Amino acid sequence: MLKRSLEEMLESQARSKWKARFHSGCLCYVQFCLENPGYVAAMFRKYDSSRFPELIAKSMESIEPLFDVLEHGKKLGVIKRKDTGRMASAVWSMLHGLTSILAGREDIPEVMGEKDVDRLVRSHVELLLVGIAPRTG
């Protein structure tokens, strides 16, 4: 379900507009998680991997579109040519954490200084893309 939602969102965006596509994919992840809390809880709850070995693979499959977008960004030269897995992990962690904070609290965007969830996700993704350290040079 999550993977399909991400794929459909990303396919509807122009590949040449990487940043807009990336933002849309990140927003899609957050919206999906907020709209499907039971699905997300089932994906990430602790379980016996010896009894259910396919669950971790299914969970990881759901974020494959994120890897694909990052790989495309590397090919375009718009993001660093670093380990895609680590970059995906950082993005995923930020999005999942933001989703956890937003769950059940409609006032959170305003508390965090933004008008709505869309703007909150965009501002956080932009900060992740730019970084928080000052540029030296």
Protein backbone atom coordinates (compact mmCIF):
# COMPACT_ATOMS: atom_id res chain seq x y z
CA MET A 1 0.00 0.00 0.00
CA LEU A 2 2.66 2.54 1.02
CA LYS A 3 4.97 1.55 -1.81
CA ARG A 4 2.15 1.83 -4.34
CA SER A 5 1.15 5.26 -3.01
CA LEU A 6 4.72 6.52 -3.27
CA GLU A 7 5.19 5.08 -6.74
CA GLU A 8 1.96 6.63 -8.02
CA MET A 9 2.85 10.02 -6.56
CA LEU A 10 6.36 9.95 -7.97
CA GLU A 11 5.22 8.76 -11.40
CA SER A 12 2.83 11.72 -11.59
CA GLN A 13 5.75 14.15 -11.16
CA ALA A 14 8.16 15.28 -13.88
CA ARG A 15 11.48 13.44 -13.49
CA SER A 16 13.29 16.58 -14.64
CA LYS A 17 12.03 18.48 -11.57
CA TRP A 18 13.86 16.41 -8.99
CA LYS A 19 13.41 18.68 -5.98
CA ALA A 20 9.64 19.05 -6.49
CA ARG A 21 9.38 15.31 -7.00
CA PHE A 22 11.37 14.61 -3.85
CA HIS A 23 9.24 17.02 -1.80
CA SER A 24 6.06 15.40 -3.16
CA GLY A 25 7.30 11.92 -2.30
CA CYS A 26 8.18 12.99 1.24
CA LEU A 27 4.78 14.61 1.72
CA CYS A 28 3.11 11.49 0.33
CA TYR A 29 4.91 9.36 2.93
CA VAL A 30 3.77 11.60 5.80
CA GLN A 31 0.19 11.83 4.54
CA PHE A 32 -0.01 8.06 4.01
CA CYS A 33 1.25 7.38 7.53
CA LEU A 34 -1.16 9.88 9.07
CA GLU A 35 -4.09 8.41 7.14
CA ASN A 36 -3.13 4.75 7.80
CA PRO A 37 -1.84 4.55 11.38
CA GLY A 38 -2.80 0.87 11.79
CA TYR A 39 -0.84 -0.12 8.68
CA VAL A 40 2.21 1.79 9.86
CA ALA A 41 1.98 0.34 13.37
CA ALA A 42 1.86 -3.17 11.92
CA MET A 43 4.87 -2.45 9.69
CA PHE A 44 7.08 -1.27 12.51
CA ARG A 45 6.04 -3.17 15.60
CA LYS A 46 8.35 -5.69 17.19
CA TYR A 47 7.81 -9.26 16.01
CA ASP A 48 9.55 -12.62 15.98
CA SER A 49 11.62 -12.55 12.78
CA SER A 50 12.14 -16.31 12.89
CA ARG A 51 8.36 -16.81 12.63
CA PHE A 52 7.71 -13.98 10.16
CA PRO A 53 10.91 -13.55 8.10
CA GLU A 54 9.12 -11.84 5.22
CA LEU A 55 7.90 -8.88 7.30
CA ILE A 56 11.20 -7.00 7.41
CA ALA A 57 11.60 -7.43 3.66
CA LYS A 58 8.07 -6.11 3.09
CA SER A 59 8.71 -3.14 5.36
CA MET A 60 11.90 -2.26 3.54
CA GLU A 61 10.24 -2.72 0.14
CA SER A 62 7.79 0.01 1.03
CA ILE A 63 10.52 2.66 0.93
CA GLU A 64 12.21 1.48 -2.28
CA PRO A 65 10.76 4.48 -4.15
CA LEU A 66 12.76 6.71 -1.80
CA PHE A 67 15.96 4.92 -2.81
CA ASP A 68 15.01 5.35 -6.48
CA VAL A 69 14.46 9.11 -6.10
CA LEU A 70 17.77 9.51 -4.29
CA GLU A 71 19.61 7.49 -6.94
CA HIS A 72 18.06 9.67 -9.63
CA GLY A 73 19.15 12.79 -7.73
CA LYS A 74 22.70 11.47 -7.62
CA LYS A 75 22.66 10.85 -11.38
CA LEU A 76 21.42 14.39 -11.98
CA GLY A 77 24.12 15.75 -9.68
CA VAL A 78 21.63 17.54 -7.42
CA ILE A 79 22.57 15.58 -4.31
CA LYS A 80 25.85 14.15 -3.06
CA ARG A 81 27.17 10.89 -4.38
CA LYS A 82 27.15 9.32 -0.94
CA ASP A 83 25.77 6.02 0.30
CA THR A 84 22.13 5.95 -0.83
CA GLY A 85 21.17 3.67 2.04
CA ARG A 86 22.42 6.14 4.64
CA MET A 87 20.76 9.07 2.91
CA ALA A 88 17.48 7.15 2.63
CA SER A 89 17.74 6.21 6.29
CA ALA A 90 18.20 9.86 7.30
CA VAL A 91 15.25 11.01 5.18
CA TRP A 92 13.06 8.12 6.32
CA SER A 93 13.91 8.71 9.97
CA MET A 94 13.08 12.39 9.70
CA LEU A 95 9.79 11.71 7.92
CA HIS A 96 8.78 8.93 10.28
CA GLY A 97 9.67 11.00 13.33
CA LEU A 98 7.72 13.96 11.98
CA THR A 99 4.76 11.67 11.32
CA SER A 100 4.92 10.39 14.91
CA ILE A 101 4.88 13.94 16.23
CA LEU A 102 1.96 14.92 13.97
CA ALA A 103 -0.19 11.88 14.74
CA GLY A 104 -3.32 12.96 16.53
CA ARG A 105 -2.27 16.59 16.90
CA GLU A 106 -3.71 18.97 14.31
CA ASP A 107 -2.04 21.94 16.06
CA ILE A 108 1.53 20.69 15.59
CA PRO A 109 2.29 22.53 12.33
CA GLU A 110 1.35 25.83 13.97
CA VAL A 111 3.27 24.97 17.15
CA MET A 112 6.31 24.27 14.93
CA GLY A 113 5.90 27.59 13.09
CA GLU A 114 4.18 26.46 9.90
CA LYS A 115 0.71 26.97 8.46
CA ASP A 116 -0.07 23.32 7.62
CA VAL A 117 1.39 19.81 7.28
CA ASP A 118 2.46 20.42 3.67
CA ARG A 119 4.54 23.46 4.59
CA LEU A 120 5.93 21.73 7.67
CA VAL A 121 7.12 18.74 5.64
CA ARG A 122 8.54 21.01 2.92
CA SER A 123 10.46 23.12 5.43
CA HIS A 124 11.93 20.05 7.13
CA VAL A 125 12.87 18.39 3.84
CA GLU A 126 14.47 21.62 2.65
CA LEU A 127 16.47 21.86 5.85
CA LEU A 128 17.61 18.29 5.38
CA LEU A 129 18.66 19.02 1.79
CA VAL A 130 20.55 22.19 2.70
CA GLY A 131 21.94 21.01 6.00
CA ILE A 132 22.17 22.81 9.28
CA ALA A 133 25.89 23.61 9.36
CA PRO A 134 27.07 26.96 8.01
CA ARG A 135 28.94 26.83 4.75
CA THR A 136 32.63 27.40 5.12
CA GLY A 137 34.69 28.75 2.43
